[in-house]
């Protein structure tokens, strides 16, 4: 519960500081990211591979958050790499517990549509290393979402969390590659932290 409160309070603080362009947004982001890690850190997990992989994904997400606070292309690529590795960890974890065929088909369908639509939206706007890095990231996160939906009958929190994470990334992409605007983080950040908290809760339930 402490981790949930930390993430919630810090996320509200973060959105407020971001809209005001106040420098405390850096501290707020670090605190919010630490909160979803605390969800699993304060509730010791059993020694299960799936729960450990989700915990690893959460930690990599926190690293990615810190990297994205840096300025410049290098920091953004570092953050993208950390999140990509986190999605791989999540995907492997969700792949352990696939449910009935309808859930798997639904997950695959959502992933294909998401990958095609987002890929077409962003492709004309990508330059340099992002022409490769972003499509790879899109494929990996879509696979992660598909596997999360496939496991939704047993772990609905993981599926909802994965979907919210993917939705939040659309606002990150819009901010970086399409049109910077204050409402991008105002919408994207709450979606992101809600998604990470739900994934964290699923790790505790899985252990």
N, C-alpha and C. Protein backbone atom coordinates (compact mmCIF):
# COMPACT_ATOMS: atom_id res chain seq x y z
N UNK A 1 0.81 -1.21 0.00
CA UNK A 1 0.00 0.00 0.00
C UNK A 1 0.85 1.26 0.00
N UNK A 2 2.00 1.21 0.67
CA UNK A 2 2.87 2.40 0.70
C UNK A 2 3.30 2.77 -0.70
N UNK A 3 3.70 1.77 -1.48
CA UNK A 3 4.12 2.04 -2.85
C UNK A 3 3.03 2.67 -3.69
N UNK A 4 1.79 2.22 -3.49
CA UNK A 4 0.66 2.78 -4.23
C UNK A 4 0.46 4.25 -3.89
N UNK A 5 0.53 4.56 -2.59
CA UNK A 5 0.36 5.95 -2.17
C UNK A 5 1.49 6.83 -2.68
N UNK A 6 2.71 6.32 -2.64
CA UNK A 6 3.87 7.10 -3.13
C UNK A 6 3.71 7.40 -4.61
N UNK A 7 3.36 6.39 -5.38
CA UNK A 7 3.20 6.61 -6.82
C UNK A 7 2.07 7.59 -7.11
N UNK A 8 0.93 7.40 -6.46
CA UNK A 8 -0.21 8.28 -6.71
C UNK A 8 0.08 9.73 -6.36
N UNK A 9 0.61 9.95 -5.17
CA UNK A 9 0.89 11.32 -4.73
C UNK A 9 1.96 11.96 -5.60
N UNK A 10 3.02 11.20 -5.89
CA UNK A 10 4.12 11.75 -6.69
C UNK A 10 3.68 12.00 -8.13
N UNK A 11 2.79 11.16 -8.66
CA UNK A 11 2.32 11.36 -10.03
C UNK A 11 1.50 12.65 -10.13
N UNK A 12 0.66 12.91 -9.14
CA UNK A 12 -0.10 14.17 -9.12
C UNK A 12 0.86 15.35 -9.05
N UNK A 13 1.85 15.25 -8.17
CA UNK A 13 2.87 16.29 -8.03
C UNK A 13 3.61 16.47 -9.35
N UNK A 14 3.91 15.37 -10.03
CA UNK A 14 4.66 15.42 -11.28
C UNK A 14 3.88 16.14 -12.37
N UNK A 15 2.61 15.80 -12.52
CA UNK A 15 1.80 16.45 -13.55
C UNK A 15 1.69 17.94 -13.27
N UNK A 16 1.47 18.30 -12.02
CA UNK A 16 1.37 19.72 -11.65
C UNK A 16 2.67 20.45 -11.96
N UNK A 17 3.80 19.87 -11.56
CA UNK A 17 5.10 20.50 -11.79
C UNK A 17 5.43 20.59 -13.28
N UNK A 18 5.03 19.56 -14.04
CA UNK A 18 5.31 19.56 -15.47
C UNK A 18 4.52 20.65 -16.18
N UNK A 19 3.25 20.78 -15.85
CA UNK A 19 2.43 21.82 -16.48
C UNK A 19 2.95 23.21 -16.16
N UNK A 20 3.50 23.36 -14.97
CA UNK A 20 4.04 24.66 -14.56
C UNK A 20 5.50 24.83 -14.98
N UNK A 21 6.08 23.81 -15.60
CA UNK A 21 7.49 23.83 -16.00
C UNK A 21 8.41 24.12 -14.81
N UNK A 22 8.04 23.57 -13.65
CA UNK A 22 8.82 23.77 -12.44
C UNK A 22 9.87 22.68 -12.32
N UNK A 23 11.04 23.06 -11.82
CA UNK A 23 12.14 22.09 -11.77
C UNK A 23 11.89 20.93 -10.81
N UNK A 24 10.91 21.07 -9.92
CA UNK A 24 10.62 19.96 -9.00
C UNK A 24 10.04 18.75 -9.74
N UNK A 25 9.71 18.90 -11.04
CA UNK A 25 9.20 17.75 -11.79
C UNK A 25 10.22 16.62 -11.86
N UNK A 26 11.50 16.94 -11.78
CA UNK A 26 12.53 15.91 -11.82
C UNK A 26 12.49 15.06 -10.54
N UNK A 27 12.34 15.75 -9.40
CA UNK A 27 12.25 15.04 -8.12
C UNK A 27 10.95 14.24 -8.08
N UNK A 28 9.86 14.85 -8.58
CA UNK A 28 8.56 14.19 -8.56
C UNK A 28 8.58 12.93 -9.42
N UNK A 29 9.24 12.99 -10.58
CA UNK A 29 9.28 11.82 -11.45
C UNK A 29 10.06 10.69 -10.82
N UNK A 30 11.18 11.02 -10.19
CA UNK A 30 11.97 10.00 -9.51
C UNK A 30 11.17 9.36 -8.38
N UNK A 31 10.42 10.19 -7.63
CA UNK A 31 9.62 9.67 -6.52
C UNK A 31 8.50 8.77 -7.03
N UNK A 32 7.82 9.19 -8.11
CA UNK A 32 6.73 8.39 -8.65
C UNK A 32 7.24 7.05 -9.17
N UNK A 33 8.39 7.07 -9.81
CA UNK A 33 8.97 5.83 -10.33
C UNK A 33 9.40 4.91 -9.20
N UNK A 34 9.94 5.49 -8.14
CA UNK A 34 10.32 4.69 -6.98
C UNK A 34 9.09 4.04 -6.35
N UNK A 35 7.95 4.71 -6.44
CA UNK A 35 6.73 4.19 -5.83
C UNK A 35 6.30 2.86 -6.40
N UNK A 36 6.29 2.72 -7.75
CA UNK A 36 5.82 1.44 -8.29
C UNK A 36 6.84 0.33 -8.04
N UNK A 37 8.12 0.69 -7.87
CA UNK A 37 9.11 -0.31 -7.49
C UNK A 37 8.87 -0.76 -6.05
N UNK A 38 8.45 0.19 -5.20
CA UNK A 38 8.17 -0.14 -3.80
C UNK A 38 7.00 -1.11 -3.66
N UNK A 39 6.08 -1.09 -4.64
CA UNK A 39 4.94 -2.01 -4.56
C UNK A 39 5.43 -3.45 -4.42
N UNK A 40 6.48 -3.79 -5.17
CA UNK A 40 7.01 -5.16 -5.07
C UNK A 40 8.11 -5.26 -4.02
N UNK A 41 8.85 -4.18 -3.80
CA UNK A 41 9.96 -4.24 -2.84
C UNK A 41 9.47 -4.42 -1.41
N UNK A 42 8.30 -3.83 -1.10
CA UNK A 42 7.77 -3.90 0.26
C UNK A 42 6.86 -5.11 0.48
N UNK A 43 6.63 -5.87 -0.56
CA UNK A 43 5.83 -7.08 -0.45
C UNK A 43 6.65 -8.22 -1.05
N UNK A 44 7.56 -8.80 -0.26
CA UNK A 44 8.51 -9.77 -0.81
C UNK A 44 7.84 -10.84 -1.66
N UNK A 45 8.41 -11.06 -2.84
CA UNK A 45 7.87 -12.03 -3.77
C UNK A 45 8.42 -13.42 -3.48
N UNK A 46 7.59 -14.41 -3.73
CA UNK A 46 8.10 -15.78 -3.70
C UNK A 46 9.10 -15.95 -4.84
N UNK A 47 9.87 -16.96 -4.78
CA UNK A 47 10.89 -17.19 -5.80
C UNK A 47 10.25 -17.80 -7.05
N UNK A 48 9.50 -16.97 -7.77
CA UNK A 48 8.91 -17.42 -9.02
C UNK A 48 9.51 -16.61 -10.15
N UNK A 49 9.77 -17.27 -11.25
CA UNK A 49 10.40 -16.60 -12.38
C UNK A 49 9.54 -15.47 -12.92
N UNK A 50 8.23 -15.70 -13.01
CA UNK A 50 7.35 -14.68 -13.57
C UNK A 50 7.35 -13.41 -12.74
N UNK A 51 7.21 -13.55 -11.43
CA UNK A 51 7.20 -12.38 -10.57
C UNK A 51 8.54 -11.65 -10.62
N UNK A 52 9.63 -12.42 -10.66
CA UNK A 52 10.96 -11.81 -10.72
C UNK A 52 11.14 -11.04 -12.02
N UNK A 53 10.62 -11.56 -13.13
CA UNK A 53 10.73 -10.87 -14.41
C UNK A 53 9.95 -9.56 -14.40
N UNK A 54 8.78 -9.58 -13.78
CA UNK A 54 8.00 -8.34 -13.69
C UNK A 54 8.73 -7.33 -12.80
N UNK A 55 9.31 -7.79 -11.71
CA UNK A 55 10.08 -6.89 -10.86
C UNK A 55 11.24 -6.28 -11.64
N UNK A 56 11.90 -7.09 -12.48
CA UNK A 56 12.99 -6.58 -13.32
C UNK A 56 12.47 -5.54 -14.29
N UNK A 57 11.32 -5.81 -14.90
CA UNK A 57 10.73 -4.84 -15.82
C UNK A 57 10.41 -3.51 -15.16
N UNK A 58 9.90 -3.58 -13.93
CA UNK A 58 9.61 -2.35 -13.18
C UNK A 58 10.88 -1.55 -12.91
N UNK A 59 11.94 -2.26 -12.51
CA UNK A 59 13.21 -1.59 -12.23
C UNK A 59 13.76 -0.94 -13.49
N UNK A 60 13.67 -1.63 -14.63
CA UNK A 60 14.13 -1.06 -15.89
C UNK A 60 13.28 0.15 -16.29
N UNK A 61 11.99 0.11 -15.97
CA UNK A 61 11.14 1.27 -16.21
C UNK A 61 11.60 2.48 -15.42
N UNK A 62 11.97 2.26 -14.16
CA UNK A 62 12.47 3.36 -13.34
C UNK A 62 13.76 3.94 -13.92
N UNK A 63 14.63 3.05 -14.42
CA UNK A 63 15.87 3.51 -15.07
C UNK A 63 15.53 4.34 -16.31
N UNK A 64 14.57 3.85 -17.10
CA UNK A 64 14.15 4.59 -18.28
C UNK A 64 13.59 5.96 -17.94
N UNK A 65 12.82 6.04 -16.86
CA UNK A 65 12.28 7.33 -16.43
C UNK A 65 13.39 8.32 -16.13
N UNK A 66 14.42 7.85 -15.42
CA UNK A 66 15.54 8.73 -15.08
C UNK A 66 16.28 9.17 -16.34
N UNK A 67 16.46 8.25 -17.30
CA UNK A 67 17.16 8.60 -18.53
C UNK A 67 16.39 9.65 -19.33
N UNK A 68 15.08 9.53 -19.37
CA UNK A 68 14.28 10.49 -20.13
C UNK A 68 14.28 11.88 -19.53
N UNK A 69 14.75 12.00 -18.29
CA UNK A 69 14.86 13.33 -17.70
C UNK A 69 16.08 14.07 -18.24
N UNK A 70 17.02 13.34 -18.87
CA UNK A 70 18.18 13.97 -19.47
C UNK A 70 17.80 14.68 -20.76
N UNK A 71 18.67 15.53 -21.22
CA UNK A 71 18.40 16.27 -22.45
C UNK A 71 19.26 15.70 -23.57
N UNK A 72 18.69 15.72 -24.76
CA UNK A 72 19.46 15.27 -25.90
C UNK A 72 19.04 13.90 -26.40
N UNK A 73 19.45 13.63 -27.64
CA UNK A 73 19.08 12.38 -28.31
C UNK A 73 19.63 11.16 -27.59
N UNK A 74 20.86 11.27 -27.08
CA UNK A 74 21.49 10.13 -26.42
C UNK A 74 20.70 9.66 -25.21
N UNK A 75 20.24 10.60 -24.38
CA UNK A 75 19.47 10.24 -23.20
C UNK A 75 18.14 9.61 -23.59
N UNK A 76 17.52 10.15 -24.64
CA UNK A 76 16.24 9.58 -25.07
C UNK A 76 16.42 8.16 -25.56
N UNK A 77 17.49 7.91 -26.33
CA UNK A 77 17.76 6.56 -26.81
C UNK A 77 18.06 5.61 -25.65
N UNK A 78 18.77 6.12 -24.64
CA UNK A 78 19.06 5.29 -23.45
C UNK A 78 17.76 4.92 -22.74
N UNK A 79 16.86 5.89 -22.59
CA UNK A 79 15.57 5.60 -21.97
C UNK A 79 14.77 4.62 -22.79
N UNK A 80 14.79 4.79 -24.12
CA UNK A 80 14.07 3.88 -25.00
C UNK A 80 14.61 2.45 -24.84
N UNK A 81 15.94 2.34 -24.74
CA UNK A 81 16.55 1.02 -24.58
C UNK A 81 16.16 0.37 -23.26
N UNK A 82 16.11 1.16 -22.18
CA UNK A 82 15.73 0.61 -20.88
C UNK A 82 14.28 0.13 -20.90
N UNK A 83 13.40 0.93 -21.48
CA UNK A 83 12.00 0.52 -21.56
C UNK A 83 11.83 -0.71 -22.45
N UNK A 84 12.58 -0.76 -23.55
CA UNK A 84 12.50 -1.92 -24.43
C UNK A 84 12.89 -3.19 -23.68
N UNK A 85 13.99 -3.12 -22.93
CA UNK A 85 14.41 -4.28 -22.14
C UNK A 85 13.35 -4.65 -21.10
N UNK A 86 12.72 -3.64 -20.51
CA UNK A 86 11.65 -3.90 -19.56
C UNK A 86 10.46 -4.60 -20.20
N UNK A 87 10.12 -4.20 -21.43
CA UNK A 87 9.01 -4.84 -22.13
C UNK A 87 9.34 -6.30 -22.46
N UNK A 88 10.61 -6.57 -22.78
CA UNK A 88 11.01 -7.96 -23.03
C UNK A 88 10.80 -8.78 -21.77
N UNK A 89 11.19 -8.24 -20.61
CA UNK A 89 11.00 -8.95 -19.34
C UNK A 89 9.52 -9.19 -19.09
N UNK A 90 8.68 -8.17 -19.30
CA UNK A 90 7.24 -8.34 -19.12
C UNK A 90 6.69 -9.40 -20.07
N UNK A 91 7.11 -9.34 -21.34
CA UNK A 91 6.59 -10.26 -22.34
C UNK A 91 6.88 -11.71 -21.97
N UNK A 92 8.10 -11.96 -21.52
CA UNK A 92 8.46 -13.32 -21.12
C UNK A 92 7.61 -13.75 -19.93
N UNK A 93 7.42 -12.85 -18.97
CA UNK A 93 6.61 -13.17 -17.79
C UNK A 93 5.17 -13.49 -18.18
N UNK A 94 4.57 -12.65 -19.03
CA UNK A 94 3.18 -12.87 -19.42
C UNK A 94 3.04 -14.12 -20.28
N UNK A 95 4.09 -14.44 -21.02
CA UNK A 95 4.04 -15.60 -21.89
C UNK A 95 3.97 -16.92 -21.14
N UNK A 96 4.33 -16.90 -19.85
CA UNK A 96 4.28 -18.11 -19.04
C UNK A 96 2.86 -18.61 -18.79
N UNK A 97 1.89 -17.72 -18.86
CA UNK A 97 0.55 -18.07 -18.40
C UNK A 97 -0.51 -17.60 -19.39
N UNK A 98 -0.47 -18.14 -20.60
CA UNK A 98 -1.45 -17.78 -21.61
C UNK A 98 -2.77 -18.50 -21.34
N UNK A 99 -3.87 -17.77 -21.55
CA UNK A 99 -5.18 -18.32 -21.25
C UNK A 99 -5.80 -19.02 -22.44
N UNK A 100 -7.13 -18.93 -22.53
CA UNK A 100 -7.87 -19.60 -23.59
C UNK A 100 -7.58 -18.96 -24.95
N UNK A 101 -7.90 -19.70 -25.99
CA UNK A 101 -7.62 -19.24 -27.35
C UNK A 101 -8.23 -17.87 -27.67
N UNK A 102 -9.48 -17.59 -27.26
CA UNK A 102 -10.05 -16.27 -27.59
C UNK A 102 -9.21 -15.11 -27.05
N UNK A 103 -8.66 -15.26 -25.85
CA UNK A 103 -7.83 -14.20 -25.29
C UNK A 103 -6.55 -14.04 -26.09
N UNK A 104 -5.97 -15.15 -26.51
CA UNK A 104 -4.73 -15.09 -27.30
C UNK A 104 -4.99 -14.45 -28.66
N UNK A 105 -6.10 -14.81 -29.28
CA UNK A 105 -6.45 -14.23 -30.58
C UNK A 105 -6.71 -12.74 -30.45
N UNK A 106 -7.43 -12.36 -29.39
CA UNK A 106 -7.71 -10.94 -29.15
C UNK A 106 -6.41 -10.17 -28.95
N UNK A 107 -5.50 -10.73 -28.18
CA UNK A 107 -4.23 -10.07 -27.94
C UNK A 107 -3.44 -9.89 -29.21
N UNK A 108 -3.37 -10.93 -30.01
CA UNK A 108 -2.62 -10.84 -31.27
C UNK A 108 -3.26 -9.82 -32.21
N UNK A 109 -4.59 -9.79 -32.26
CA UNK A 109 -5.29 -8.85 -33.13
C UNK A 109 -5.03 -7.41 -32.73
N UNK A 110 -5.14 -7.14 -31.43
CA UNK A 110 -4.87 -5.79 -30.93
C UNK A 110 -3.44 -5.38 -31.24
N UNK A 111 -2.50 -6.29 -31.06
CA UNK A 111 -1.09 -5.99 -31.28
C UNK A 111 -0.82 -5.65 -32.74
N UNK A 112 -1.39 -6.42 -33.66
CA UNK A 112 -1.16 -6.16 -35.08
C UNK A 112 -1.72 -4.81 -35.50
N UNK A 113 -2.95 -4.53 -35.08
CA UNK A 113 -3.58 -3.25 -35.42
C UNK A 113 -2.78 -2.09 -34.83
N UNK A 114 -2.39 -2.23 -33.57
CA UNK A 114 -1.63 -1.17 -32.91
C UNK A 114 -0.30 -0.92 -33.62
N UNK A 115 0.41 -1.99 -33.96
CA UNK A 115 1.71 -1.86 -34.60
C UNK A 115 1.59 -1.17 -35.96
N UNK A 116 0.59 -1.57 -36.74
CA UNK A 116 0.42 -0.99 -38.08
C UNK A 116 0.03 0.47 -38.01
N UNK A 117 -0.95 0.79 -37.16
CA UNK A 117 -1.43 2.17 -37.07
C UNK A 117 -0.35 3.10 -36.54
N UNK A 118 0.29 2.72 -35.45
CA UNK A 118 1.31 3.58 -34.85
C UNK A 118 2.53 3.68 -35.76
N UNK A 119 2.91 2.56 -36.39
CA UNK A 119 4.04 2.58 -37.31
C UNK A 119 3.83 3.54 -38.47
N UNK A 120 2.65 3.50 -39.06
CA UNK A 120 2.34 4.42 -40.17
C UNK A 120 2.28 5.87 -39.72
N UNK A 121 1.80 6.07 -38.51
CA UNK A 121 1.70 7.43 -37.96
C UNK A 121 3.08 8.04 -37.75
N UNK A 122 4.00 7.27 -37.21
CA UNK A 122 5.30 7.81 -36.84
C UNK A 122 6.35 7.74 -37.94
N UNK A 123 6.24 6.79 -38.83
CA UNK A 123 7.33 6.54 -39.79
C UNK A 123 7.80 7.79 -40.54
N UNK A 124 6.91 8.64 -41.06
CA UNK A 124 7.38 9.82 -41.80
C UNK A 124 8.11 10.84 -40.91
N UNK A 125 7.97 10.72 -39.61
CA UNK A 125 8.51 11.70 -38.68
C UNK A 125 9.82 11.25 -38.03
N UNK A 126 10.28 10.06 -38.37
CA UNK A 126 11.48 9.49 -37.73
C UNK A 126 12.72 9.75 -38.58
N UNK A 127 13.79 10.11 -37.90
CA UNK A 127 15.04 10.40 -38.58
C UNK A 127 16.21 9.81 -37.79
N UNK A 128 17.32 9.60 -38.48
CA UNK A 128 18.52 9.11 -37.81
C UNK A 128 18.31 7.75 -37.17
N UNK A 129 18.88 7.54 -35.98
CA UNK A 129 18.77 6.23 -35.32
C UNK A 129 17.34 5.86 -34.94
N UNK A 130 16.45 6.85 -34.88
CA UNK A 130 15.07 6.56 -34.50
C UNK A 130 14.32 5.81 -35.59
N UNK A 131 14.81 5.85 -36.84
CA UNK A 131 14.16 5.12 -37.93
C UNK A 131 14.22 3.61 -37.70
N UNK A 132 15.21 3.18 -36.92
CA UNK A 132 15.32 1.76 -36.57
C UNK A 132 14.84 1.52 -35.15
N UNK A 133 15.27 2.37 -34.22
CA UNK A 133 14.98 2.15 -32.80
C UNK A 133 13.48 2.17 -32.50
N UNK A 134 12.76 3.11 -33.06
CA UNK A 134 11.33 3.24 -32.75
C UNK A 134 10.51 2.08 -33.32
N UNK A 135 10.71 1.67 -34.60
CA UNK A 135 9.96 0.49 -35.07
C UNK A 135 10.24 -0.77 -34.26
N UNK A 136 11.50 -0.96 -33.85
CA UNK A 136 11.81 -2.13 -33.01
C UNK A 136 11.05 -2.03 -31.69
N UNK A 137 11.04 -0.84 -31.11
CA UNK A 137 10.33 -0.63 -29.85
C UNK A 137 8.83 -0.92 -30.02
N UNK A 138 8.25 -0.45 -31.13
CA UNK A 138 6.82 -0.66 -31.38
C UNK A 138 6.50 -2.15 -31.44
N UNK A 139 7.34 -2.91 -32.14
CA UNK A 139 7.11 -4.35 -32.26
C UNK A 139 7.17 -5.02 -30.89
N UNK A 140 8.17 -4.66 -30.10
CA UNK A 140 8.36 -5.30 -28.80
C UNK A 140 7.21 -4.98 -27.85
N UNK A 141 6.80 -3.72 -27.79
CA UNK A 141 5.72 -3.37 -26.85
C UNK A 141 4.40 -3.98 -27.32
N UNK A 142 4.20 -4.11 -28.64
CA UNK A 142 2.97 -4.73 -29.12
C UNK A 142 2.94 -6.22 -28.78
N UNK A 143 4.08 -6.88 -28.88
CA UNK A 143 4.15 -8.29 -28.47
C UNK A 143 3.85 -8.42 -26.98
N UNK A 144 4.40 -7.50 -26.19
CA UNK A 144 4.16 -7.52 -24.75
C UNK A 144 2.67 -7.36 -24.44
N UNK A 145 2.02 -6.41 -25.13
CA UNK A 145 0.59 -6.19 -24.91
C UNK A 145 -0.21 -7.43 -25.32
N UNK A 146 0.17 -8.04 -26.44
CA UNK A 146 -0.53 -9.24 -26.90
C UNK A 146 -0.45 -10.36 -25.87
N UNK A 147 0.73 -10.57 -25.31
CA UNK A 147 0.90 -11.63 -24.32
C UNK A 147 0.18 -11.30 -23.01
N UNK A 148 0.15 -10.01 -22.66
CA UNK A 148 -0.58 -9.61 -21.45
C UNK A 148 -2.08 -9.88 -21.61
N UNK A 149 -2.62 -9.55 -22.78
CA UNK A 149 -4.03 -9.83 -23.03
C UNK A 149 -4.28 -11.33 -23.05
N UNK A 150 -3.32 -12.08 -23.59
CA UNK A 150 -3.46 -13.53 -23.60
C UNK A 150 -3.53 -14.13 -22.22
N UNK A 151 -2.92 -13.45 -21.24
CA UNK A 151 -2.94 -13.92 -19.85
C UNK A 151 -4.04 -13.26 -19.03
N UNK A 152 -4.93 -12.50 -19.68
CA UNK A 152 -5.90 -11.68 -18.95
C UNK A 152 -6.90 -12.48 -18.14
N UNK A 153 -7.21 -13.71 -18.55
CA UNK A 153 -8.18 -14.49 -17.78
C UNK A 153 -7.68 -14.81 -16.38
N UNK A 154 -6.34 -14.94 -16.25
CA UNK A 154 -5.75 -15.22 -14.94
C UNK A 154 -5.27 -13.96 -14.24
N UNK A 155 -4.82 -12.99 -15.03
CA UNK A 155 -4.20 -11.79 -14.45
C UNK A 155 -4.68 -10.55 -15.18
N UNK A 156 -5.94 -10.14 -14.94
CA UNK A 156 -6.48 -8.98 -15.65
C UNK A 156 -5.73 -7.69 -15.36
N UNK A 157 -5.16 -7.56 -14.15
CA UNK A 157 -4.42 -6.33 -13.82
C UNK A 157 -3.24 -6.15 -14.75
N UNK A 158 -2.57 -7.24 -15.09
CA UNK A 158 -1.42 -7.17 -15.99
C UNK A 158 -1.85 -6.70 -17.37
N UNK A 159 -2.98 -7.20 -17.86
CA UNK A 159 -3.46 -6.84 -19.19
C UNK A 159 -3.85 -5.36 -19.25
N UNK A 160 -4.58 -4.89 -18.24
CA UNK A 160 -4.97 -3.48 -18.20
C UNK A 160 -3.73 -2.60 -18.06
N UNK A 161 -2.80 -3.03 -17.21
CA UNK A 161 -1.58 -2.25 -17.02
C UNK A 161 -0.77 -2.14 -18.30
N UNK A 162 -0.65 -3.24 -19.03
CA UNK A 162 0.09 -3.22 -20.29
C UNK A 162 -0.57 -2.29 -21.30
N UNK A 163 -1.91 -2.33 -21.37
CA UNK A 163 -2.64 -1.47 -22.30
C UNK A 163 -2.44 0.01 -21.94
N UNK A 164 -2.49 0.33 -20.66
CA UNK A 164 -2.28 1.71 -20.24
C UNK A 164 -0.85 2.17 -20.53
N UNK A 165 0.11 1.29 -20.33
CA UNK A 165 1.51 1.61 -20.65
C UNK A 165 1.63 1.94 -22.13
N UNK A 166 1.06 1.09 -22.99
CA UNK A 166 1.13 1.34 -24.43
C UNK A 166 0.45 2.66 -24.80
N UNK A 167 -0.69 2.94 -24.18
CA UNK A 167 -1.38 4.20 -24.46
C UNK A 167 -0.54 5.40 -24.05
N UNK A 168 0.14 5.29 -22.91
CA UNK A 168 0.98 6.40 -22.46
C UNK A 168 2.12 6.67 -23.43
N UNK A 169 2.64 5.62 -24.05
CA UNK A 169 3.74 5.80 -25.00
C UNK A 169 3.31 6.58 -26.24
N UNK A 170 2.04 6.55 -26.57
CA UNK A 170 1.56 7.34 -27.70
C UNK A 170 1.76 8.83 -27.44
N UNK A 171 1.59 9.25 -26.19
CA UNK A 171 1.77 10.65 -25.85
C UNK A 171 3.25 11.03 -25.77
N UNK A 172 4.09 10.06 -25.36
CA UNK A 172 5.53 10.30 -25.40
C UNK A 172 5.97 10.49 -26.84
N UNK A 173 5.48 9.63 -27.73
CA UNK A 173 5.82 9.73 -29.15
C UNK A 173 5.32 11.04 -29.75
N UNK A 174 4.12 11.43 -29.39
CA UNK A 174 3.57 12.68 -29.92
C UNK A 174 4.41 13.87 -29.46
N UNK A 175 4.81 13.84 -28.19
CA UNK A 175 5.62 14.93 -27.64
C UNK A 175 6.98 15.01 -28.33
N UNK A 176 7.59 13.85 -28.58
CA UNK A 176 8.94 13.82 -29.12
C UNK A 176 8.99 14.01 -30.64
N UNK A 177 8.06 13.38 -31.35
CA UNK A 177 8.18 13.32 -32.80
C UNK A 177 7.11 14.07 -33.59
N UNK A 178 6.00 14.43 -32.95
CA UNK A 178 4.89 15.02 -33.70
C UNK A 178 4.66 16.47 -33.33
N UNK A 179 4.15 16.71 -32.14
CA UNK A 179 3.81 18.07 -31.73
C UNK A 179 3.91 18.21 -30.21
N UNK A 180 4.97 18.86 -29.71
CA UNK A 180 5.07 19.09 -28.26
C UNK A 180 3.89 19.91 -27.76
N UNK A 181 3.35 19.51 -26.63
CA UNK A 181 2.23 20.23 -26.04
C UNK A 181 2.15 19.86 -24.57
N UNK A 182 1.64 20.76 -23.77
CA UNK A 182 1.56 20.50 -22.33
C UNK A 182 0.64 19.33 -22.00
N UNK A 183 -0.39 19.14 -22.82
CA UNK A 183 -1.33 18.08 -22.48
C UNK A 183 -0.78 16.69 -22.80
N UNK A 184 0.32 16.59 -23.56
CA UNK A 184 0.91 15.27 -23.79
C UNK A 184 1.33 14.62 -22.47
N UNK A 185 2.19 15.26 -21.68
CA UNK A 185 2.53 14.66 -20.38
C UNK A 185 1.37 14.66 -19.39
N UNK A 186 0.48 15.65 -19.50
CA UNK A 186 -0.64 15.72 -18.57
C UNK A 186 -1.54 14.50 -18.69
N UNK A 187 -1.64 13.94 -19.89
CA UNK A 187 -2.45 12.73 -20.11
C UNK A 187 -1.57 11.49 -20.02
N UNK A 188 -0.40 11.55 -20.65
CA UNK A 188 0.46 10.38 -20.74
C UNK A 188 1.02 9.90 -19.41
N UNK A 189 1.44 10.82 -18.55
CA UNK A 189 2.06 10.42 -17.29
C UNK A 189 1.11 9.66 -16.37
N UNK A 190 -0.13 10.13 -16.15
CA UNK A 190 -1.04 9.33 -15.31
C UNK A 190 -1.31 7.95 -15.90
N UNK A 191 -1.43 7.86 -17.22
CA UNK A 191 -1.63 6.55 -17.84
C UNK A 191 -0.44 5.64 -17.57
N UNK A 192 0.75 6.20 -17.69
CA UNK A 192 1.97 5.41 -17.50
C UNK A 192 2.07 4.88 -16.07
N UNK A 193 1.89 5.75 -15.09
CA UNK A 193 2.05 5.31 -13.70
C UNK A 193 0.93 4.37 -13.28
N UNK A 194 -0.27 4.60 -13.78
CA UNK A 194 -1.35 3.66 -13.48
C UNK A 194 -1.02 2.29 -14.07
N UNK A 195 -0.49 2.28 -15.28
CA UNK A 195 -0.13 1.02 -15.91
C UNK A 195 0.96 0.28 -15.15
N UNK A 196 2.00 1.00 -14.75
CA UNK A 196 3.09 0.37 -14.02
C UNK A 196 2.62 -0.16 -12.66
N UNK A 197 1.77 0.58 -11.99
CA UNK A 197 1.25 0.12 -10.69
C UNK A 197 0.44 -1.16 -10.87
N UNK A 198 -0.40 -1.22 -11.90
CA UNK A 198 -1.19 -2.42 -12.12
C UNK A 198 -0.31 -3.62 -12.45
N UNK A 199 0.74 -3.38 -13.23
CA UNK A 199 1.68 -4.47 -13.53
C UNK A 199 2.39 -4.90 -12.25
N UNK A 200 2.75 -3.94 -11.41
CA UNK A 200 3.39 -4.26 -10.13
C UNK A 200 2.45 -5.08 -9.25
N UNK A 201 1.18 -4.69 -9.19
CA UNK A 201 0.20 -5.43 -8.40
C UNK A 201 0.07 -6.85 -8.92
N UNK A 202 0.13 -7.01 -10.25
CA UNK A 202 0.02 -8.35 -10.82
C UNK A 202 1.24 -9.21 -10.42
N UNK A 203 2.40 -8.58 -10.25
CA UNK A 203 3.59 -9.32 -9.82
C UNK A 203 3.40 -9.85 -8.42
N UNK A 204 2.82 -9.04 -7.55
CA UNK A 204 2.58 -9.48 -6.17
C UNK A 204 1.58 -10.64 -6.16
N UNK A 205 0.53 -10.50 -7.00
CA UNK A 205 -0.48 -11.56 -7.07
C UNK A 205 0.09 -12.85 -7.67
N UNK A 206 1.08 -12.69 -8.56
CA UNK A 206 1.65 -13.83 -9.25
C UNK A 206 2.59 -14.62 -8.34
N UNK A 207 3.13 -13.94 -7.33
CA UNK A 207 4.18 -14.58 -6.50
C UNK A 207 3.57 -15.58 -5.51
